[in-house]
């Protein structure tokens, strides 16, 4: 079973730098898909497994129960919808904590495939939420930073009471 980096580990606020896809990055993608599957996560950034790499995996299945993961190498958000919606978000790095986060209802994301082809995909609804969440994490933005100070402090205190920090 994969061990996940736990909040407040500094790797969760480290920004990954785009780089060419090589065998090592592909191997990280395989480990990340395995970790996401084990955790039954909808998405993961490489930082969650302790690697600061320009890589996220998200489930793109219409039925999220199937969790059909896609690796996004060097992902970049290139456009988002003006309409937003608020929904619960959490992290494998802070188990037991969820917070309402406002996100655009769709996002256009440019990324490299495992074969190095640069493509753009529009993700919508919950899949967009997952993509935006994980790409922000890859860029060193932990989901708590999107909360007001009061809500963030409350979430941190609750997490500490759960005794799940490393």
C-alpha atoms as a PDB file:
ATOM      1  CA  UNK A   1       0.000   0.000   0.000  1.00  0.00           C
ATOM      2  CA  UNK A   2       1.295   3.421  -0.961  1.00  0.00           C
ATOM      3  CA  UNK A   3       2.337   5.798   1.809  1.00  0.00           C
ATOM      4  CA  UNK A   4       1.157   9.322   1.092  1.00  0.00           C
ATOM      5  CA  UNK A   5       2.905  12.528   2.044  1.00  0.00           C
ATOM      6  CA  UNK A   6       0.949  14.102   4.926  1.00  0.00           C
ATOM      7  CA  UNK A   7       0.122  17.726   5.558  1.00  0.00           C
ATOM      8  CA  UNK A   8       2.086  19.935   6.435  1.00  0.00           C
ATOM      9  CA  UNK A   9       4.978  18.315   4.542  1.00  0.00           C
ATOM     10  CA  UNK A  10       6.743  21.059   2.515  1.00  0.00           C
ATOM     11  CA  UNK A  11       6.628  18.928  -0.642  1.00  0.00           C
ATOM     12  CA  UNK A  12       2.912  19.761  -0.798  1.00  0.00           C
ATOM     13  CA  UNK A  13       3.784  23.400  -1.492  1.00  0.00           C
ATOM     14  CA  UNK A  14       6.641  22.738  -3.935  1.00  0.00           C
ATOM     15  CA  UNK A  15       6.050  23.719  -7.556  1.00  0.00           C
ATOM     16  CA  UNK A  16       6.912  21.159 -10.230  1.00  0.00           C
ATOM     17  CA  UNK A  17       8.816  22.371 -13.294  1.00  0.00           C
ATOM     18  CA  UNK A  18       7.798  21.183 -16.783  1.00  0.00           C
ATOM     19  CA  UNK A  19      10.267  18.748 -18.320  1.00  0.00           C
ATOM     20  CA  UNK A  20      10.559  16.233 -21.144  1.00  0.00           C
ATOM     21  CA  UNK A  21       8.881  12.894 -20.650  1.00  0.00           C
ATOM     22  CA  UNK A  22      11.386  10.115 -20.053  1.00  0.00           C
ATOM     23  CA  UNK A  23      11.367   6.605 -18.608  1.00  0.00           C
ATOM     24  CA  UNK A  24      11.625   7.889 -15.025  1.00  0.00           C
ATOM     25  CA  UNK A  25       8.612  10.177 -15.432  1.00  0.00           C
ATOM     26  CA  UNK A  26       6.622   7.364 -17.065  1.00  0.00           C
ATOM     27  CA  UNK A  27       7.497   5.112 -14.111  1.00  0.00           C
ATOM     28  CA  UNK A  28       6.292   7.826 -11.731  1.00  0.00           C
ATOM     29  CA  UNK A  29       3.020   7.948 -13.686  1.00  0.00           C
ATOM     30  CA  UNK A  30       2.578   4.193 -13.230  1.00  0.00           C
ATOM     31  CA  UNK A  31       3.201   4.506  -9.477  1.00  0.00           C
ATOM     32  CA  UNK A  32       0.773   7.411  -9.305  1.00  0.00           C
ATOM     33  CA  UNK A  33      -1.996   5.467 -11.058  1.00  0.00           C
ATOM     34  CA  UNK A  34      -1.419   2.540  -8.687  1.00  0.00           C
ATOM     35  CA  UNK A  35      -1.530   4.876  -5.672  1.00  0.00           C
ATOM     36  CA  UNK A  36      -4.718   6.571  -6.913  1.00  0.00           C
ATOM     37  CA  UNK A  37      -6.352   3.200  -7.453  1.00  0.00           C
ATOM     38  CA  UNK A  38      -5.320   1.925  -4.008  1.00  0.00           C
ATOM     39  CA  UNK A  39      -6.670   5.078  -2.350  1.00  0.00           C
ATOM     40  CA  UNK A  40      -9.797   5.101  -4.526  1.00  0.00           C
ATOM     41  CA  UNK A  41      -8.899   8.716  -5.305  1.00  0.00           C
ATOM     42  CA  UNK A  42     -10.377  10.632  -8.207  1.00  0.00           C
ATOM     43  CA  UNK A  43      -7.000  12.207  -8.882  1.00  0.00           C
ATOM     44  CA  UNK A  44      -3.483  12.620  -7.540  1.00  0.00           C
ATOM     45  CA  UNK A  45      -0.501  14.874  -8.086  1.00  0.00           C
ATOM     46  CA  UNK A  46       2.993  13.389  -7.891  1.00  0.00           C
ATOM     47  CA  UNK A  47       3.653  15.424  -4.718  1.00  0.00           C
ATOM     48  CA  UNK A  48       1.200  13.150  -2.888  1.00  0.00           C
ATOM     49  CA  UNK A  49       3.687  10.300  -3.267  1.00  0.00           C
ATOM     50  CA  UNK A  50       6.642  12.555  -2.466  1.00  0.00           C
ATOM     51  CA  UNK A  51       7.815  13.360  -5.988  1.00  0.00           C
ATOM     52  CA  UNK A  52       7.886  16.916  -7.277  1.00  0.00           C
ATOM     53  CA  UNK A  53       7.149  16.193 -10.915  1.00  0.00           C
ATOM     54  CA  UNK A  54       4.978  17.901 -13.571  1.00  0.00           C
ATOM     55  CA  UNK A  55       2.445  15.097 -13.514  1.00  0.00           C
ATOM     56  CA  UNK A  56      -1.085  14.433 -12.326  1.00  0.00           C
ATOM     57  CA  UNK A  57      -3.500  11.571 -12.850  1.00  0.00           C
ATOM     58  CA  UNK A  58      -7.260  12.003 -12.909  1.00  0.00           C
ATOM     59  CA  UNK A  59     -10.172   9.697 -13.462  1.00  0.00           C
ATOM     60  CA  UNK A  60     -11.897  10.621 -16.707  1.00  0.00           C
ATOM     61  CA  UNK A  61     -14.573   7.912 -16.731  1.00  0.00           C
ATOM     62  CA  UNK A  62     -18.159   9.072 -17.111  1.00  0.00           C
ATOM     63  CA  UNK A  63     -18.911   6.691 -14.258  1.00  0.00           C
ATOM     64  CA  UNK A  64     -16.478   7.783 -11.546  1.00  0.00           C
ATOM     65  CA  UNK A  65     -16.823   4.384  -9.865  1.00  0.00           C
ATOM     66  CA  UNK A  66     -14.767   2.939 -12.750  1.00  0.00           C
ATOM     67  CA  UNK A  67     -11.900   5.373 -12.182  1.00  0.00           C
ATOM     68  CA  UNK A  68     -10.354   5.229 -15.642  1.00  0.00           C
ATOM     69  CA  UNK A  69      -7.137   7.163 -14.948  1.00  0.00           C
ATOM     70  CA  UNK A  70      -5.388   9.407 -17.434  1.00  0.00           C
ATOM     71  CA  UNK A  71      -1.855  10.691 -16.824  1.00  0.00           C
ATOM     72  CA  UNK A  72      -1.392  14.361 -17.669  1.00  0.00           C
ATOM     73  CA  UNK A  73       2.263  15.258 -18.154  1.00  0.00           C
ATOM     74  CA  UNK A  74       3.220  18.949 -17.966  1.00  0.00           C
ATOM     75  CA  UNK A  75      -0.429  20.012 -17.597  1.00  0.00           C
ATOM     76  CA  UNK A  76      -1.380  23.649 -17.938  1.00  0.00           C
ATOM     77  CA  UNK A  77      -4.770  25.273 -17.393  1.00  0.00           C
ATOM     78  CA  UNK A  78      -5.371  27.383 -20.492  1.00  0.00           C
ATOM     79  CA  UNK A  79      -8.990  28.406 -19.955  1.00  0.00           C
ATOM     80  CA  UNK A  80     -11.852  28.084 -17.501  1.00  0.00           C
ATOM     81  CA  UNK A  81     -15.571  28.788 -17.412  1.00  0.00           C
ATOM     82  CA  UNK A  82     -16.946  31.937 -15.864  1.00  0.00           C
ATOM     83  CA  UNK A  83     -19.740  30.019 -14.110  1.00  0.00           C
ATOM     84  CA  UNK A  84     -18.578  28.282 -10.960  1.00  0.00           C
ATOM     85  CA  UNK A  85     -19.951  25.849  -8.462  1.00  0.00           C
ATOM     86  CA  UNK A  86     -18.952  24.967  -4.941  1.00  0.00           C
ATOM     87  CA  UNK A  87     -18.270  21.387  -3.967  1.00  0.00           C
ATOM     88  CA  UNK A  88     -16.435  19.364  -1.338  1.00  0.00           C
ATOM     89  CA  UNK A  89     -12.745  18.691  -1.804  1.00  0.00           C
ATOM     90  CA  UNK A  90     -10.221  16.763   0.217  1.00  0.00           C
ATOM     91  CA  UNK A  91      -6.777  15.241  -0.090  1.00  0.00           C
ATOM     92  CA  UNK A  92      -5.063  11.912   0.524  1.00  0.00           C
ATOM     93  CA  UNK A  93      -2.460  14.068   2.273  1.00  0.00           C
ATOM     94  CA  UNK A  94      -5.061  15.227   4.801  1.00  0.00           C
ATOM     95  CA  UNK A  95      -7.429  12.280   5.270  1.00  0.00           C
ATOM     96  CA  UNK A  96     -10.669  12.956   7.062  1.00  0.00           C
ATOM     97  CA  UNK A  97     -10.825  16.626   6.074  1.00  0.00           C
ATOM     98  CA  UNK A  98     -13.116  18.082   3.418  1.00  0.00           C
ATOM     99  CA  UNK A  99     -13.884  21.689   2.627  1.00  0.00           C
ATOM    100  CA  UNK A 100     -16.201  23.459   0.181  1.00  0.00           C
ATOM    101  CA  UNK A 101     -14.184  24.927  -2.695  1.00  0.00           C
ATOM    102  CA  UNK A 102     -15.509  27.087  -5.523  1.00  0.00           C
ATOM    103  CA  UNK A 103     -14.308  26.010  -8.991  1.00  0.00           C
ATOM    104  CA  UNK A 104     -15.168  26.753 -12.623  1.00  0.00           C
ATOM    105  CA  UNK A 105     -17.634  24.270 -14.154  1.00  0.00           C
ATOM    106  CA  UNK A 106     -15.215  23.461 -16.994  1.00  0.00           C
ATOM    107  CA  UNK A 107     -11.510  23.828 -17.725  1.00  0.00           C
ATOM    108  CA  UNK A 108      -9.421  23.556 -20.871  1.00  0.00           C
ATOM    109  CA  UNK A 109      -6.163  21.802 -20.055  1.00  0.00           C
ATOM    110  CA  UNK A 110      -3.144  21.423 -22.333  1.00  0.00           C
ATOM    111  CA  UNK A 111      -0.911  18.476 -21.473  1.00  0.00           C
ATOM    112  CA  UNK A 112       1.473  15.937 -22.910  1.00  0.00           C
ATOM    113  CA  UNK A 113       0.357  12.340 -23.379  1.00  0.00           C
ATOM    114  CA  UNK A 114       2.588   9.446 -22.366  1.00  0.00           C
ATOM    115  CA  UNK A 115       3.845   9.449 -25.978  1.00  0.00           C
ATOM    116  CA  UNK A 116       4.808  13.125 -25.769  1.00  0.00           C
ATOM    117  CA  UNK A 117       1.975  14.455 -27.935  1.00  0.00           C
ATOM    118  CA  UNK A 118       0.692  17.861 -26.740  1.00  0.00           C
ATOM    119  CA  UNK A 119      -3.106  17.954 -26.689  1.00  0.00           C
ATOM    120  CA  UNK A 120      -5.843  20.083 -25.177  1.00  0.00           C
ATOM    121  CA  UNK A 121      -8.920  18.631 -23.521  1.00  0.00           C
ATOM    122  CA  UNK A 122     -11.972  20.312 -22.041  1.00  0.00           C
ATOM    123  CA  UNK A 123     -12.887  18.715 -18.738  1.00  0.00           C
ATOM    124  CA  UNK A 124     -16.346  19.399 -17.349  1.00  0.00           C
ATOM    125  CA  UNK A 125     -18.147  19.085 -14.029  1.00  0.00           C
ATOM    126  CA  UNK A 126     -16.568  16.863 -11.422  1.00  0.00           C
ATOM    127  CA  UNK A 127     -13.697  15.839 -13.715  1.00  0.00           C
ATOM    128  CA  UNK A 128     -12.844  19.538 -14.212  1.00  0.00           C
ATOM    129  CA  UNK A 129     -12.872  19.991 -10.433  1.00  0.00           C
ATOM    130  CA  UNK A 130     -10.448  17.080 -10.048  1.00  0.00           C
ATOM    131  CA  UNK A 131      -8.141  18.319 -12.813  1.00  0.00           C
ATOM    132  CA  UNK A 132      -8.034  21.853 -11.406  1.00  0.00           C
ATOM    133  CA  UNK A 133      -7.434  20.565  -7.868  1.00  0.00           C
ATOM    134  CA  UNK A 134      -4.546  18.296  -8.887  1.00  0.00           C
ATOM    135  CA  UNK A 135      -2.903  20.775 -11.264  1.00  0.00           C
ATOM    136  CA  UNK A 136      -2.978  23.382  -8.500  1.00  0.00           C
ATOM    137  CA  UNK A 137      -1.400  20.806  -6.177  1.00  0.00           C
ATOM    138  CA  UNK A 138       1.303  20.122  -8.778  1.00  0.00           C
ATOM    139  CA  UNK A 139       1.954  23.877  -8.772  1.00  0.00           C
ATOM    140  CA  UNK A 140       2.381  23.932  -4.992  1.00  0.00           C
ATOM    141  CA  UNK A 141      -1.114  25.120  -4.073  1.00  0.00           C
ATOM    142  CA  UNK A 142      -2.589  22.873  -1.390  1.00  0.00           C
ATOM    143  CA  UNK A 143      -6.394  23.003  -1.336  1.00  0.00           C
ATOM    144  CA  UNK A 144      -6.487  24.589   2.143  1.00  0.00           C
ATOM    145  CA  UNK A 145      -4.984  27.776   0.723  1.00  0.00           C
ATOM    146  CA  UNK A 146      -8.291  28.378  -1.114  1.00  0.00           C
ATOM    147  CA  UNK A 147     -10.107  28.700   2.222  1.00  0.00           C
ATOM    148  CA  UNK A 148     -10.554  31.714   4.468  1.00  0.00           C
ATOM    149  CA  UNK A 149      -8.093  31.850   7.340  1.00  0.00           C
ATOM    150  CA  UNK A 150     -10.819  30.846   9.817  1.00  0.00           C
ATOM    151  CA  UNK A 151     -11.922  27.805   7.770  1.00  0.00           C
ATOM    152  CA  UNK A 152      -8.305  26.806   7.098  1.00  0.00           C
ATOM    153  CA  UNK A 153      -7.377  27.027  10.804  1.00  0.00           C
ATOM    154  CA  UNK A 154     -10.483  25.033  11.738  1.00  0.00           C
ATOM    155  CA  UNK A 155      -9.596  22.304   9.212  1.00  0.00           C
ATOM    156  CA  UNK A 156      -6.013  22.129  10.496  1.00  0.00           C
ATOM    157  CA  UNK A 157      -7.154  21.857  14.128  1.00  0.00           C
ATOM    158  CA  UNK A 158      -9.613  19.097  13.181  1.00  0.00           C
ATOM    159  CA  UNK A 159      -6.850  17.235  11.320  1.00  0.00           C
ATOM    160  CA  UNK A 160      -4.543  17.534  14.314  1.00  0.00           C
ATOM    161  CA  UNK A 161      -7.273  16.194  16.604  1.00  0.00           C
ATOM    162  CA  UNK A 162      -7.665  13.211  14.289  1.00  0.00           C
ATOM    163  CA  UNK A 163      -3.976  12.512  14.971  1.00  0.00           C
ATOM    164  CA  UNK A 164      -3.174  11.834  11.337  1.00  0.00           C
ATOM    165  CA  UNK A 165      -0.143  14.061  10.864  1.00  0.00           C
ATOM    166  CA  UNK A 166       3.257  12.440  10.497  1.00  0.00           C
END
